[in-house]
Amino acid sequence: MIRSELVLKIAEAHPDLQPNEVERIVTTFFDEICKRLAADGRVELRGFGAFSTRARDARTGRNPRTGEIVAVDAKRVPYFKPGKEMRARLNVA
């Protein structure tokens, strides 16, 4: 599902909301998650999962096109850990 599909699904489920209001809600939701992660925080949505960041060390990589060795800087990357309820719903037999 892409962002526009999410907005449409929410708008269908809540006909009392205008499409531009739903778009603002979705945008605010994702912006707040990004802000919290950028501040080295954690976002936990009970029953869904938790977003956090993980550190990646600096390393040497290789340019796949030329084969040239390049330095890759250390960085933080987003990480998602699904909640217990989500795992249970995904693994229904």
N, C-alpha and C. Protein backbone atom coordinates (compact mmCIF):
# COMPACT_ATOMS: atom_id res chain seq x y z
N MET A 1 0.85 -1.18 0.00
CA MET A 1 0.00 0.00 0.00
C MET A 1 0.89 1.24 0.00
N ILE A 2 0.52 2.18 -0.82
CA ILE A 2 1.27 3.44 -0.86
C ILE A 2 0.47 4.52 -0.12
N ARG A 3 1.13 5.63 0.11
CA ARG A 3 0.55 6.71 0.91
C ARG A 3 -0.82 7.15 0.38
N SER A 4 -0.97 7.35 -0.92
CA SER A 4 -2.24 7.80 -1.48
C SER A 4 -3.34 6.77 -1.25
N GLU A 5 -3.01 5.48 -1.30
CA GLU A 5 -3.99 4.44 -1.03
C GLU A 5 -4.42 4.48 0.43
N LEU A 6 -3.48 4.75 1.32
CA LEU A 6 -3.79 4.87 2.74
C LEU A 6 -4.75 6.03 2.98
N VAL A 7 -4.48 7.16 2.35
CA VAL A 7 -5.36 8.32 2.48
C VAL A 7 -6.76 7.98 1.98
N LEU A 8 -6.87 7.29 0.85
CA LEU A 8 -8.18 6.91 0.30
C LEU A 8 -8.92 5.96 1.23
N LYS A 9 -8.23 4.98 1.79
CA LYS A 9 -8.86 4.03 2.71
C LYS A 9 -9.41 4.72 3.94
N ILE A 10 -8.63 5.65 4.51
CA ILE A 10 -9.08 6.38 5.69
C ILE A 10 -10.27 7.27 5.34
N ALA A 11 -10.21 7.92 4.18
CA ALA A 11 -11.31 8.79 3.74
C ALA A 11 -12.59 7.97 3.53
N GLU A 12 -12.46 6.76 2.98
CA GLU A 12 -13.63 5.89 2.78
C GLU A 12 -14.21 5.45 4.12
N ALA A 13 -13.34 5.15 5.09
CA ALA A 13 -13.79 4.68 6.40
C ALA A 13 -14.41 5.80 7.22
N HIS A 14 -14.05 7.05 6.92
CA HIS A 14 -14.55 8.20 7.67
C HIS A 14 -15.09 9.25 6.70
N PRO A 15 -16.30 9.03 6.17
CA PRO A 15 -16.84 9.96 5.18
C PRO A 15 -17.10 11.37 5.72
N ASP A 16 -17.12 11.52 7.04
CA ASP A 16 -17.32 12.84 7.63
C ASP A 16 -16.09 13.72 7.50
N LEU A 17 -14.93 13.14 7.17
CA LEU A 17 -13.70 13.90 6.99
C LEU A 17 -13.50 14.24 5.51
N GLN A 18 -13.03 15.44 5.26
CA GLN A 18 -12.70 15.86 3.90
C GLN A 18 -11.37 15.21 3.49
N PRO A 19 -11.16 14.93 2.21
CA PRO A 19 -9.89 14.33 1.76
C PRO A 19 -8.66 15.16 2.14
N ASN A 20 -8.77 16.49 2.11
CA ASN A 20 -7.61 17.31 2.49
C ASN A 20 -7.34 17.21 3.99
N GLU A 21 -8.37 16.97 4.80
CA GLU A 21 -8.17 16.77 6.24
C GLU A 21 -7.46 15.44 6.50
N VAL A 22 -7.87 14.41 5.78
CA VAL A 22 -7.24 13.09 5.92
C VAL A 22 -5.77 13.18 5.50
N GLU A 23 -5.49 13.88 4.41
CA GLU A 23 -4.11 14.06 3.95
C GLU A 23 -3.27 14.75 5.02
N ARG A 24 -3.85 15.78 5.66
CA ARG A 24 -3.13 16.51 6.72
C ARG A 24 -2.86 15.61 7.92
N ILE A 25 -3.83 14.76 8.27
CA ILE A 25 -3.67 13.84 9.39
C ILE A 25 -2.54 12.86 9.11
N VAL A 26 -2.55 12.25 7.92
CA VAL A 26 -1.51 11.27 7.55
C VAL A 26 -0.14 11.94 7.51
N THR A 27 -0.07 13.13 6.93
CA THR A 27 1.20 13.86 6.85
C THR A 27 1.73 14.18 8.25
N THR A 28 0.86 14.65 9.12
CA THR A 28 1.26 14.97 10.50
C THR A 28 1.75 13.72 11.22
N PHE A 29 1.05 12.61 11.04
CA PHE A 29 1.42 11.35 11.68
C PHE A 29 2.84 10.93 11.28
N PHE A 30 3.11 10.92 9.98
CA PHE A 30 4.43 10.50 9.52
C PHE A 30 5.51 11.51 9.87
N ASP A 31 5.18 12.79 9.82
CA ASP A 31 6.15 13.83 10.20
C ASP A 31 6.57 13.69 11.66
N GLU A 32 5.62 13.41 12.53
CA GLU A 32 5.93 13.26 13.95
C GLU A 32 6.80 12.03 14.22
N ILE A 33 6.55 10.96 13.50
CA ILE A 33 7.40 9.77 13.64
C ILE A 33 8.82 10.11 13.20
N CYS A 34 8.96 10.79 12.06
CA CYS A 34 10.29 11.17 11.56
C CYS A 34 11.01 12.10 12.52
N LYS A 35 10.30 13.08 13.07
CA LYS A 35 10.92 14.01 14.03
C LYS A 35 11.45 13.28 15.25
N ARG A 36 10.65 12.36 15.75
CA ARG A 36 11.05 11.61 16.95
C ARG A 36 12.28 10.74 16.65
N LEU A 37 12.29 10.08 15.52
CA LEU A 37 13.43 9.24 15.15
C LEU A 37 14.67 10.09 14.92
N ALA A 38 14.51 11.27 14.32
CA ALA A 38 15.64 12.17 14.08
C ALA A 38 16.24 12.65 15.40
N ALA A 39 15.41 12.74 16.44
CA ALA A 39 15.88 13.17 17.76
C ALA A 39 16.41 11.97 18.55
N ASP A 40 16.69 10.88 17.86
CA ASP A 40 17.22 9.64 18.46
C ASP A 40 16.23 9.01 19.42
N GLY A 41 14.95 9.17 19.13
CA GLY A 41 13.91 8.61 19.98
C GLY A 41 13.38 7.30 19.45
N ARG A 42 12.27 6.91 20.03
CA ARG A 42 11.61 5.66 19.69
C ARG A 42 10.12 5.93 19.63
N VAL A 43 9.42 5.31 18.70
CA VAL A 43 7.97 5.46 18.58
C VAL A 43 7.37 4.07 18.68
N GLU A 44 6.52 3.89 19.68
CA GLU A 44 5.90 2.58 19.89
C GLU A 44 4.39 2.71 19.71
N LEU A 45 3.84 1.88 18.83
CA LEU A 45 2.41 1.83 18.59
C LEU A 45 1.94 0.46 19.06
N ARG A 46 1.28 0.41 20.20
CA ARG A 46 0.88 -0.87 20.80
C ARG A 46 0.07 -1.70 19.82
N GLY A 47 0.40 -2.97 19.73
CA GLY A 47 -0.28 -3.88 18.83
C GLY A 47 0.22 -3.82 17.40
N PHE A 48 0.97 -2.79 17.06
CA PHE A 48 1.49 -2.64 15.70
C PHE A 48 2.99 -2.90 15.68
N GLY A 49 3.76 -2.11 16.43
CA GLY A 49 5.20 -2.29 16.47
C GLY A 49 5.91 -1.05 16.95
N ALA A 50 7.22 -1.07 16.87
CA ALA A 50 8.03 0.04 17.36
C ALA A 50 9.05 0.45 16.30
N PHE A 51 9.16 1.76 16.10
CA PHE A 51 10.15 2.34 15.21
C PHE A 51 11.29 2.87 16.05
N SER A 52 12.51 2.60 15.64
CA SER A 52 13.69 3.14 16.31
C SER A 52 14.79 3.29 15.26
N THR A 53 15.96 3.70 15.70
CA THR A 53 17.09 3.80 14.78
C THR A 53 18.22 2.90 15.28
N ARG A 54 19.03 2.49 14.36
CA ARG A 54 20.21 1.69 14.68
C ARG A 54 21.43 2.35 14.03
N ALA A 55 22.56 2.23 14.71
CA ALA A 55 23.80 2.82 14.20
C ALA A 55 24.50 1.83 13.27
N ARG A 56 25.00 2.34 12.18
CA ARG A 56 25.83 1.54 11.26
C ARG A 56 27.22 2.13 11.29
N ASP A 57 28.21 1.31 11.48
CA ASP A 57 29.60 1.76 11.51
C ASP A 57 30.08 2.16 10.12
N ALA A 58 31.12 2.97 10.10
CA ALA A 58 31.76 3.33 8.83
C ALA A 58 32.41 2.06 8.27
N ARG A 59 32.47 1.98 6.96
CA ARG A 59 33.06 0.79 6.33
C ARG A 59 33.56 1.16 4.94
N THR A 60 34.22 0.22 4.32
CA THR A 60 34.61 0.43 2.94
C THR A 60 33.65 -0.37 2.07
N GLY A 61 33.20 0.25 1.00
CA GLY A 61 32.28 -0.40 0.09
C GLY A 61 32.88 -0.43 -1.30
N ARG A 62 32.10 -0.86 -2.24
CA ARG A 62 32.59 -0.96 -3.61
C ARG A 62 31.51 -0.40 -4.54
N ASN A 63 31.93 0.46 -5.46
CA ASN A 63 31.03 0.98 -6.47
C ASN A 63 30.72 -0.17 -7.43
N PRO A 64 29.45 -0.59 -7.52
CA PRO A 64 29.14 -1.76 -8.35
C PRO A 64 29.38 -1.53 -9.84
N ARG A 65 29.35 -0.30 -10.29
CA ARG A 65 29.53 -0.02 -11.70
C ARG A 65 31.00 -0.07 -12.09
N THR A 66 31.88 0.53 -11.26
CA THR A 66 33.29 0.62 -11.62
C THR A 66 34.17 -0.34 -10.85
N GLY A 67 33.67 -0.87 -9.73
CA GLY A 67 34.49 -1.75 -8.91
C GLY A 67 35.42 -0.98 -7.98
N GLU A 68 35.36 0.35 -8.04
CA GLU A 68 36.23 1.20 -7.22
C GLU A 68 35.83 1.09 -5.75
N ILE A 69 36.83 1.04 -4.87
CA ILE A 69 36.59 1.00 -3.43
C ILE A 69 36.29 2.42 -2.95
N VAL A 70 35.19 2.55 -2.16
CA VAL A 70 34.78 3.85 -1.65
C VAL A 70 34.54 3.75 -0.14
N ALA A 71 34.72 4.87 0.56
CA ALA A 71 34.45 4.93 1.99
C ALA A 71 32.97 5.22 2.21
N VAL A 72 32.34 4.45 3.08
CA VAL A 72 30.94 4.67 3.44
C VAL A 72 30.94 5.17 4.88
N ASP A 73 30.38 6.36 5.10
CA ASP A 73 30.38 6.97 6.43
C ASP A 73 29.46 6.22 7.38
N ALA A 74 29.70 6.41 8.68
CA ALA A 74 28.81 5.88 9.70
C ALA A 74 27.48 6.61 9.59
N LYS A 75 26.41 5.91 9.92
CA LYS A 75 25.09 6.54 9.82
C LYS A 75 24.10 5.83 10.71
N ARG A 76 22.96 6.48 10.90
CA ARG A 76 21.84 5.86 11.61
C ARG A 76 20.79 5.48 10.57
N VAL A 77 20.18 4.34 10.76
CA VAL A 77 19.16 3.87 9.83
C VAL A 77 17.90 3.53 10.61
N PRO A 78 16.71 3.73 10.00
CA PRO A 78 15.48 3.38 10.69
C PRO A 78 15.33 1.87 10.82
N TYR A 79 14.67 1.47 11.91
CA TYR A 79 14.46 0.05 12.19
C TYR A 79 13.03 -0.11 12.69
N PHE A 80 12.35 -1.14 12.24
CA PHE A 80 10.99 -1.43 12.68
C PHE A 80 10.94 -2.82 13.26
N LYS A 81 10.37 -2.92 14.47
CA LYS A 81 10.18 -4.22 15.09
C LYS A 81 8.68 -4.44 15.25
N PRO A 82 8.11 -5.42 14.56
CA PRO A 82 6.67 -5.64 14.65
C PRO A 82 6.27 -6.07 16.06
N GLY A 83 5.05 -5.67 16.46
CA GLY A 83 4.52 -6.05 17.76
C GLY A 83 4.01 -7.47 17.76
N LYS A 84 3.75 -7.96 18.96
CA LYS A 84 3.29 -9.32 19.14
C LYS A 84 1.96 -9.57 18.41
N GLU A 85 1.04 -8.61 18.51
CA GLU A 85 -0.26 -8.75 17.86
C GLU A 85 -0.13 -8.79 16.34
N MET A 86 0.77 -7.97 15.77
CA MET A 86 0.96 -7.98 14.33
C MET A 86 1.55 -9.31 13.87
N ARG A 87 2.54 -9.80 14.60
CA ARG A 87 3.15 -11.09 14.24
C ARG A 87 2.10 -12.20 14.26
N ALA A 88 1.23 -12.16 15.27
CA ALA A 88 0.19 -13.18 15.38
C ALA A 88 -0.77 -13.11 14.19
N ARG A 89 -1.14 -11.90 13.78
CA ARG A 89 -2.06 -11.76 12.64
C ARG A 89 -1.42 -12.19 11.32
N LEU A 90 -0.12 -12.00 11.19
CA LEU A 90 0.57 -12.39 9.97
C LEU A 90 0.78 -13.89 9.86
N ASN A 91 0.87 -14.55 11.01
CA ASN A 91 1.19 -15.97 11.03
C ASN A 91 0.00 -16.86 11.37
N VAL A 92 -1.19 -16.43 11.00
CA VAL A 92 -2.37 -17.24 11.21
C VAL A 92 -2.33 -18.40 10.24
N ALA A 93 -2.54 -19.60 10.77
CA ALA A 93 -2.44 -20.81 9.92
C ALA A 93 -3.68 -21.06 9.14
